[in-house]
Amino acid sequence: MTSPLISVIINNYNYGAFLARAVQSALDQRDVHAEVIVVDDGSSDDSRAVINSFGDQIVAVFQANAGQAAAINTGVRYSKGEILCFLDADDWFPPTSWPPPPPLLRAIRASGLCITACNPCTPMAATLLRPFRAACVRAIWRR
């Protein structure tokens, strides 16, 4: 099975302090055919500068504040990938999150949905997630 294009969609609103780590964690994935789309939902902090610092390594989308769901939907509209992966601006991928092994890719394709782990950037999020080992990155196979 060839590796499908993965669209990593990062929605952001005033998380400039965490955004670079989230974006870099998506860019740092090895052996992945991926695009990284960052949708800024009208931030008033330094998010625009952080996003622009990645240049043409990412697809940058700036929109007026319309809420998280609208930002995610905008990212989906800009995406070209067969797998859509959603990463919040205050989370990050471990270095070997993608690509999933071929059996998992087949499961994603068959079910249309896959849950995988992420690492929170904030101490509060880490504290809240630790007891649950929660899955907070969602990947959807585009049909």
Protein backbone atom coordinates (compact mmCIF):
# COMPACT_ATOMS: atom_id res chain seq x y z
CA MET A 1 0.00 0.00 0.00
CA THR A 2 1.46 3.35 -0.98
CA SER A 3 1.44 6.11 1.57
CA PRO A 4 -1.57 8.40 1.04
CA LEU A 5 -1.34 12.17 1.33
CA ILE A 6 -2.10 13.20 4.90
CA SER A 7 -3.53 16.68 5.50
CA VAL A 8 -2.67 17.88 8.99
CA ILE A 9 -5.14 20.65 9.84
CA ILE A 10 -4.20 22.90 12.75
CA ASN A 11 -6.82 25.37 13.94
CA ASN A 12 -5.60 28.31 15.96
CA TYR A 13 -7.03 31.17 17.95
CA ASN A 14 -4.60 33.19 20.09
CA TYR A 15 -2.31 30.21 20.77
CA GLY A 16 0.80 31.84 19.32
CA ALA A 17 2.78 30.73 22.39
CA PHE A 18 2.18 27.05 21.51
CA LEU A 19 1.62 27.13 17.76
CA ALA A 20 5.24 26.79 16.59
CA ARG A 21 5.66 23.53 18.49
CA ALA A 22 2.45 22.10 17.03
CA VAL A 23 3.40 23.06 13.47
CA GLN A 24 6.99 21.87 13.81
CA SER A 25 5.83 18.54 15.24
CA ALA A 26 3.72 18.00 12.12
CA LEU A 27 6.58 19.01 9.82
CA ASP A 28 9.03 16.75 11.66
CA GLN A 29 7.19 13.51 10.89
CA ARG A 30 9.46 11.12 8.99
CA ASP A 31 8.61 9.19 5.83
CA VAL A 32 5.26 10.93 5.46
CA HIS A 33 3.59 12.38 2.40
CA ALA A 34 1.83 15.28 4.14
CA GLU A 35 0.68 18.84 3.91
CA VAL A 36 0.28 21.05 6.96
CA ILE A 37 -2.59 23.54 6.90
CA VAL A 38 -2.78 26.17 9.64
CA VAL A 39 -6.03 28.09 9.93
CA ASP A 40 -5.84 31.18 12.09
CA ASP A 41 -9.29 32.17 13.31
CA GLY A 42 -8.78 35.91 13.78
CA SER A 43 -6.09 35.83 16.46
CA SER A 44 -5.00 39.08 18.10
CA ASP A 45 -1.71 37.74 19.53
CA ASP A 46 1.52 36.97 17.63
CA SER A 47 0.01 33.95 15.84
CA ARG A 48 0.28 35.57 12.39
CA ALA A 49 4.03 36.07 12.80
CA VAL A 50 4.47 32.49 14.02
CA ILE A 51 2.50 31.15 11.05
CA ASN A 52 4.36 33.35 8.56
CA SER A 53 7.71 32.18 9.96
CA PHE A 54 7.07 28.75 8.40
CA GLY A 55 6.85 30.25 4.92
CA ASP A 56 5.97 27.82 2.15
CA GLN A 57 6.42 24.76 4.38
CA ILE A 58 2.75 25.12 5.31
CA VAL A 59 -0.53 26.30 3.85
CA ALA A 60 -1.44 29.38 5.88
CA VAL A 61 -5.06 30.51 5.99
CA PHE A 62 -6.19 33.63 7.85
CA GLN A 63 -9.86 34.30 8.48
CA ALA A 64 -12.00 36.54 10.65
CA ASN A 65 -12.96 34.95 13.96
CA ALA A 66 -15.78 32.48 13.31
CA GLY A 67 -15.10 29.82 15.96
CA GLN A 68 -13.23 26.54 16.12
CA ALA A 69 -15.68 24.52 14.01
CA ALA A 70 -15.53 27.11 11.22
CA ALA A 71 -11.72 27.10 11.34
CA ILE A 72 -11.65 23.31 11.07
CA ASN A 73 -14.12 23.40 8.18
CA THR A 74 -11.94 25.98 6.43
CA GLY A 75 -8.95 23.67 6.85
CA VAL A 76 -10.91 20.79 5.33
CA ARG A 77 -11.81 22.97 2.34
CA TYR A 78 -8.12 23.77 1.74
CA SER A 79 -6.97 20.18 2.23
CA LYS A 80 -5.97 17.82 -0.57
CA GLY A 81 -5.18 14.74 1.49
CA GLU A 82 -6.82 11.38 1.54
CA ILE A 83 -6.43 11.30 5.33
CA LEU A 84 -7.44 14.36 7.33
CA CYS A 85 -5.69 14.71 10.67
CA PHE A 86 -6.76 17.37 13.15
CA LEU A 87 -4.23 18.82 15.58
CA ASP A 88 -5.09 21.59 18.03
CA ALA A 89 -2.61 24.47 18.20
CA ASP A 90 -1.69 23.64 21.80
CA ASP A 91 -0.95 19.96 21.11
CA TRP A 92 1.90 18.26 19.27
CA PHE A 93 2.81 14.97 17.63
CA PRO A 94 5.49 12.66 18.97
CA PRO A 95 8.24 12.26 16.32
CA THR A 96 6.94 8.98 14.89
CA SER A 97 3.17 9.53 14.90
CA TRP A 98 2.86 9.23 11.12
CA PRO A 99 2.70 7.34 8.92
CA PRO A 100 0.55 4.74 10.59
CA PRO A 101 1.59 1.16 9.87
CA PRO A 102 -0.15 -0.43 6.85
CA PRO A 103 -2.61 -2.47 8.99
CA LEU A 104 -3.75 0.73 10.68
CA LEU A 105 -4.03 2.49 7.32
CA ARG A 106 -6.29 -0.34 6.14
CA ALA A 107 -8.38 0.01 9.32
CA ILE A 108 -8.65 3.78 8.83
CA ARG A 109 -9.74 3.25 5.24
CA ALA A 110 -12.30 0.60 6.24
CA SER A 111 -13.77 2.47 9.21
CA GLY A 112 -13.28 6.06 8.15
CA LEU A 113 -12.03 7.05 11.59
CA CYS A 114 -8.90 6.57 13.64
CA ILE A 115 -7.92 7.90 17.04
CA THR A 116 -4.27 8.38 17.92
CA ALA A 117 -2.39 9.98 20.81
CA CYS A 118 -0.99 13.48 21.16
CA ASN A 119 1.08 15.34 23.68
CA PRO A 120 -0.37 18.46 25.31
CA CYS A 121 1.84 21.56 25.44
CA THR A 122 0.43 23.02 28.62
CA PRO A 123 0.95 21.65 32.14
CA MET A 124 -2.78 21.91 32.84
CA ALA A 125 -3.65 19.87 29.76
CA ALA A 126 -1.01 17.30 30.67
CA THR A 127 -2.47 17.00 34.17
CA LEU A 128 -5.99 16.62 32.85
CA LEU A 129 -5.04 14.06 30.19
CA ARG A 130 -2.64 11.95 32.24
CA PRO A 131 -5.26 9.82 34.04
CA PHE A 132 -7.14 9.14 30.84
CA ARG A 133 -4.29 8.71 28.35
CA ALA A 134 -6.83 10.49 26.18
CA ALA A 135 -6.80 10.48 22.43
CA CYS A 136 -7.01 14.03 21.19
CA VAL A 137 -5.84 13.84 17.59
CA ARG A 138 -8.48 12.69 15.20
CA ALA A 139 -7.82 11.34 11.73
CA ILE A 140 -10.49 10.75 9.13
CA TRP A 141 -10.10 8.92 5.86
CA ARG A 142 -11.66 11.05 3.16
CA ARG A 143 -14.09 8.99 1.09
